[in-house]
Structure formats: structure tokens, C-alpha cells
Amino acid sequence: MRGRLPLQHVAVAVALGVASGLYIYGPLFQPPPAPHGPAAPPPGAAPEKRP
């Protein structure tokens, strides 16, 4: 590859890289889902009271 890369090409490449990174790692910024299964308390259960 000869020559220099124009600023517009570098800007588009950086924008695509950042956007794809946020798309892939987007679930890291979301709150975790509520637990479910046998270990989870029923939805209407009252929280445990501590003495």
C-alpha cells in the first residue's frame, strides 16, 4: 500500500471501530437480568428480615 490515508478514511475507520465495539460489548453496560430458577425466591416473596 503506497501513499497516505486521507483524514476522512481514518475518521470513518475509527467511527466504525468504536461503533462495532460498543455493539459487541453493549451487554456489559446493561443491568444484569433478574435471577430465575430453583434458587431464586418467588416473585411475591417478602425480603428476609434481619434481627
PDB file of N, CA and C in Angstrom:
ATOM      1  N   MET A   1       0.850  -1.172   0.000  1.00  0.00           N
ATOM      2  CA  MET A   1       0.000   0.000   0.000  1.00  0.00           C
ATOM      3  C   MET A   1       0.895   1.233   0.000  1.00  0.00           C
ATOM      4  N   ARG A   2       0.681   2.066  -0.954  1.00  0.00           N
ATOM      5  CA  ARG A   2       1.513   3.262  -1.073  1.00  0.00           C
ATOM      6  C   ARG A   2       0.689   4.509  -0.821  1.00  0.00           C
ATOM      7  N   GLY A   3       1.338   5.518  -0.396  1.00  0.00           N
ATOM      8  CA  GLY A   3       0.657   6.789  -0.165  1.00  0.00           C
ATOM      9  C   GLY A   3       0.120   6.894   1.249  1.00  0.00           C
ATOM     10  N   ARG A   4      -0.502   8.026   1.497  1.00  0.00           N
ATOM     11  CA  ARG A   4      -1.048   8.281   2.828  1.00  0.00           C
ATOM     12  C   ARG A   4      -2.540   8.032   2.842  1.00  0.00           C
ATOM     13  N   LEU A   5      -3.069   7.787   4.014  1.00  0.00           N
ATOM     14  CA  LEU A   5      -4.508   7.629   4.166  1.00  0.00           C
ATOM     15  C   LEU A   5      -5.130   9.002   4.405  1.00  0.00           C
ATOM     16  N   PRO A   6      -6.176   9.329   3.637  1.00  0.00           N
ATOM     17  CA  PRO A   6      -6.852  10.612   3.871  1.00  0.00           C
ATOM     18  C   PRO A   6      -7.505  10.643   5.250  1.00  0.00           C
ATOM     19  N   LEU A   7      -7.669  11.827   5.770  1.00  0.00           N
ATOM     20  CA  LEU A   7      -8.259  12.001   7.097  1.00  0.00           C
ATOM     21  C   LEU A   7      -9.680  11.442   7.155  1.00  0.00           C
ATOM     22  N   GLN A   8     -10.441  11.592   6.055  1.00  0.00           N
ATOM     23  CA  GLN A   8     -11.809  11.069   6.049  1.00  0.00           C
ATOM     24  C   GLN A   8     -11.819   9.553   6.196  1.00  0.00           C
ATOM     25  N   HIS A   9     -10.876   8.865   5.578  1.00  0.00           N
ATOM     26  CA  HIS A   9     -10.828   7.403   5.688  1.00  0.00           C
ATOM     27  C   HIS A   9     -10.476   6.978   7.111  1.00  0.00           C
ATOM     28  N   VAL A  10      -9.565   7.672   7.705  1.00  0.00           N
ATOM     29  CA  VAL A  10      -9.188   7.353   9.081  1.00  0.00           C
ATOM     30  C   VAL A  10     -10.365   7.620  10.020  1.00  0.00           C
ATOM     31  N   ALA A  11     -11.084   8.723   9.796  1.00  0.00           N
ATOM     32  CA  ALA A  11     -12.217   9.063  10.649  1.00  0.00           C
ATOM     33  C   ALA A  11     -13.331   8.015  10.521  1.00  0.00           C
ATOM     34  N   VAL A  12     -13.601   7.544   9.309  1.00  0.00           N
ATOM     35  CA  VAL A  12     -14.634   6.531   9.110  1.00  0.00           C
ATOM     36  C   VAL A  12     -14.210   5.219   9.767  1.00  0.00           C
ATOM     37  N   ALA A  13     -12.944   4.854   9.615  1.00  0.00           N
ATOM     38  CA  ALA A  13     -12.463   3.609  10.219  1.00  0.00           C
ATOM     39  C   ALA A  13     -12.551   3.672  11.741  1.00  0.00           C
ATOM     40  N   VAL A  14     -12.201   4.795  12.333  1.00  0.00           N
ATOM     41  CA  VAL A  14     -12.278   4.940  13.788  1.00  0.00           C
ATOM     42  C   VAL A  14     -13.735   4.888  14.246  1.00  0.00           C
ATOM     43  N   ALA A  15     -14.622   5.578  13.518  1.00  0.00           N
ATOM     44  CA  ALA A  15     -16.043   5.580  13.902  1.00  0.00           C
ATOM     45  C   ALA A  15     -16.629   4.167  13.812  1.00  0.00           C
ATOM     46  N   LEU A  16     -16.300   3.431  12.754  1.00  0.00           N
ATOM     47  CA  LEU A  16     -16.801   2.062  12.628  1.00  0.00           C
ATOM     48  C   LEU A  16     -16.237   1.163  13.726  1.00  0.00           C
ATOM     49  N   GLY A  17     -14.973   1.361  14.087  1.00  0.00           N
ATOM     50  CA  GLY A  17     -14.377   0.554  15.144  1.00  0.00           C
ATOM     51  C   GLY A  17     -15.028   0.800  16.492  1.00  0.00           C
ATOM     52  N   VAL A  18     -15.271   2.052  16.802  1.00  0.00           N
ATOM     53  CA  VAL A  18     -15.903   2.380  18.080  1.00  0.00           C
ATOM     54  C   VAL A  18     -17.343   1.878  18.106  1.00  0.00           C
ATOM     55  N   ALA A  19     -18.076   2.065  17.001  1.00  0.00           N
ATOM     56  CA  ALA A  19     -19.469   1.622  16.955  1.00  0.00           C
ATOM     57  C   ALA A  19     -19.566   0.103  17.067  1.00  0.00           C
ATOM     58  N   SER A  20     -18.683  -0.615  16.388  1.00  0.00           N
ATOM     59  CA  SER A  20     -18.743  -2.079  16.472  1.00  0.00           C
ATOM     60  C   SER A  20     -18.331  -2.558  17.862  1.00  0.00           C
ATOM     61  N   GLY A  21     -17.392  -1.888  18.489  1.00  0.00           N
ATOM     62  CA  GLY A  21     -17.005  -2.252  19.845  1.00  0.00           C
ATOM     63  C   GLY A  21     -18.135  -2.051  20.832  1.00  0.00           C
ATOM     64  N   LEU A  22     -18.857  -0.947  20.696  1.00  0.00           N
ATOM     65  CA  LEU A  22     -19.997  -0.713  21.579  1.00  0.00           C
ATOM     66  C   LEU A  22     -21.110  -1.712  21.312  1.00  0.00           C
ATOM     67  N   TYR A  23     -21.288  -2.102  20.055  1.00  0.00           N
ATOM     68  CA  TYR A  23     -22.333  -3.073  19.724  1.00  0.00           C
ATOM     69  C   TYR A  23     -22.014  -4.440  20.322  1.00  0.00           C
ATOM     70  N   ILE A  24     -20.755  -4.837  20.249  1.00  0.00           N
ATOM     71  CA  ILE A  24     -20.369  -6.157  20.754  1.00  0.00           C
ATOM     72  C   ILE A  24     -20.407  -6.182  22.280  1.00  0.00           C
ATOM     73  N   TYR A  25     -19.888  -5.127  22.906  1.00  0.00           N
ATOM     74  CA  TYR A  25     -19.785  -5.109  24.366  1.00  0.00           C
ATOM     75  C   TYR A  25     -20.944  -4.365  25.014  1.00  0.00           C
ATOM     76  N   GLY A  26     -21.989  -4.078  24.272  1.00  0.00           N
ATOM     77  CA  GLY A  26     -23.158  -3.373  24.807  1.00  0.00           C
ATOM     78  C   GLY A  26     -23.772  -4.035  26.019  1.00  0.00           C
ATOM     79  N   PRO A  27     -23.893  -5.377  26.046  1.00  0.00           N
ATOM     80  CA  PRO A  27     -24.494  -6.009  27.228  1.00  0.00           C
ATOM     81  C   PRO A  27     -23.732  -5.739  28.524  1.00  0.00           C
ATOM     82  N   LEU A  28     -22.480  -5.343  28.456  1.00  0.00           N
ATOM     83  CA  LEU A  28     -21.731  -5.048  29.681  1.00  0.00           C
ATOM     84  C   LEU A  28     -22.286  -3.817  30.392  1.00  0.00           C
ATOM     85  N   PHE A  29     -22.918  -2.916  29.627  1.00  0.00           N
ATOM     86  CA  PHE A  29     -23.413  -1.677  30.205  1.00  0.00           C
ATOM     87  C   PHE A  29     -24.864  -1.785  30.640  1.00  0.00           C
ATOM     88  N   GLN A  30     -25.489  -2.945  30.477  1.00  0.00           N
ATOM     89  CA  GLN A  30     -26.870  -3.131  30.890  1.00  0.00           C
ATOM     90  C   GLN A  30     -26.909  -3.794  32.264  1.00  0.00           C
ATOM     91  N   PRO A  31     -27.968  -3.530  33.051  1.00  0.00           N
ATOM     92  CA  PRO A  31     -28.059  -4.198  34.358  1.00  0.00           C
ATOM     93  C   PRO A  31     -28.240  -5.697  34.165  1.00  0.00           C
ATOM     94  N   PRO A  32     -27.762  -6.499  35.098  1.00  0.00           N
ATOM     95  CA  PRO A  32     -27.896  -7.947  34.951  1.00  0.00           C
ATOM     96  C   PRO A  32     -29.360  -8.363  35.012  1.00  0.00           C
ATOM     97  N   PRO A  33     -29.723  -9.430  34.319  1.00  0.00           N
ATOM     98  CA  PRO A  33     -31.110  -9.886  34.367  1.00  0.00           C
ATOM     99  C   PRO A  33     -31.455 -10.438  35.748  1.00  0.00           C
ATOM    100  N   ALA A  34     -32.725 -10.430  36.057  1.00  0.00           N
ATOM    101  CA  ALA A  34     -33.185 -10.949  37.349  1.00  0.00           C
ATOM    102  C   ALA A  34     -32.940 -12.454  37.401  1.00  0.00           C
ATOM    103  N   PRO A  35     -32.538 -12.960  38.555  1.00  0.00           N
ATOM    104  CA  PRO A  35     -32.299 -14.406  38.656  1.00  0.00           C
ATOM    105  C   PRO A  35     -33.601 -15.188  38.531  1.00  0.00           C
ATOM    106  N   HIS A  36     -33.505 -16.364  37.977  1.00  0.00           N
ATOM    107  CA  HIS A  36     -34.658 -17.234  37.874  1.00  0.00           C
ATOM    108  C   HIS A  36     -34.182 -18.669  38.027  1.00  0.00           C
ATOM    109  N   GLY A  37     -35.094 -19.523  38.373  1.00  0.00           N
ATOM    110  CA  GLY A  37     -34.735 -20.914  38.572  1.00  0.00           C
ATOM    111  C   GLY A  37     -35.050 -21.351  39.988  1.00  0.00           C
ATOM    112  N   PRO A  38     -34.587 -22.526  40.371  1.00  0.00           N
ATOM    113  CA  PRO A  38     -34.937 -23.057  41.696  1.00  0.00           C
ATOM    114  C   PRO A  38     -34.321 -22.283  42.854  1.00  0.00           C
ATOM    115  N   ALA A  39     -33.198 -21.591  42.651  1.00  0.00           N
ATOM    116  CA  ALA A  39     -32.550 -20.888  43.757  1.00  0.00           C
ATOM    117  C   ALA A  39     -33.155 -19.513  44.003  1.00  0.00           C
ATOM    118  N   ALA A  40     -33.908 -18.998  43.046  1.00  0.00           N
ATOM    119  CA  ALA A  40     -34.471 -17.659  43.186  1.00  0.00           C
ATOM    120  C   ALA A  40     -35.748 -17.709  44.022  1.00  0.00           C
ATOM    121  N   PRO A  41     -36.004 -16.684  44.826  1.00  0.00           N
ATOM    122  CA  PRO A  41     -37.252 -16.648  45.590  1.00  0.00           C
ATOM    123  C   PRO A  41     -38.428 -16.378  44.644  1.00  0.00           C
ATOM    124  N   PRO A  42     -39.621 -16.760  45.042  1.00  0.00           N
ATOM    125  CA  PRO A  42     -40.779 -16.471  44.195  1.00  0.00           C
ATOM    126  C   PRO A  42     -40.959 -14.952  44.044  1.00  0.00           C
ATOM    127  N   PRO A  43     -41.592 -14.499  42.957  1.00  0.00           N
ATOM    128  CA  PRO A  43     -41.696 -13.050  42.714  1.00  0.00           C
ATOM    129  C   PRO A  43     -42.412 -12.294  43.824  1.00  0.00           C
ATOM    130  N   GLY A  44     -43.372 -12.899  44.515  1.00  0.00           N
ATOM    131  CA  GLY A  44     -44.113 -12.184  45.559  1.00  0.00           C
ATOM    132  C   GLY A  44     -43.549 -12.353  46.943  1.00  0.00           C
ATOM    133  N   ALA A  45     -42.389 -12.965  47.090  1.00  0.00           N
ATOM    134  CA  ALA A  45     -41.816 -13.228  48.406  1.00  0.00           C
ATOM    135  C   ALA A  45     -41.325 -11.942  49.052  1.00  0.00           C
ATOM    136  N   ALA A  46     -41.514 -11.838  50.352  1.00  0.00           N
ATOM    137  CA  ALA A  46     -41.029 -10.691  51.102  1.00  0.00           C
ATOM    138  C   ALA A  46     -39.539 -10.867  51.392  1.00  0.00           C
ATOM    139  N   PRO A  47     -38.795  -9.781  51.451  1.00  0.00           N
ATOM    140  CA  PRO A  47     -37.365  -9.914  51.778  1.00  0.00           C
ATOM    141  C   PRO A  47     -37.166 -10.434  53.205  1.00  0.00           C
ATOM    142  N   GLU A  48     -36.055 -11.074  53.430  1.00  0.00           N
ATOM    143  CA  GLU A  48     -35.768 -11.610  54.760  1.00  0.00           C
ATOM    144  C   GLU A  48     -35.500 -10.478  55.736  1.00  0.00           C
ATOM    145  N   LYS A  49     -36.011 -10.612  56.963  1.00  0.00           N
ATOM    146  CA  LYS A  49     -35.794  -9.592  57.983  1.00  0.00           C
ATOM    147  C   LYS A  49     -34.633 -10.028  58.867  1.00  0.00           C
ATOM    148  N   ARG A  50     -33.746  -9.098  59.127  1.00  0.00           N
ATOM    149  CA  ARG A  50     -32.596  -9.401  59.983  1.00  0.00           C
ATOM    150  C   ARG A  50     -32.850  -8.848  61.366  1.00  0.00           C
ATOM    151  N   PRO A  51     -32.468  -9.582  62.393  1.00  0.00           N
ATOM    152  CA  PRO A  51     -32.718  -9.106  63.767  1.00  0.00           C
ATOM    153  C   PRO A  51     -31.823  -7.951  64.148  1.00  0.00           C
TER     154      PRO A  51
END
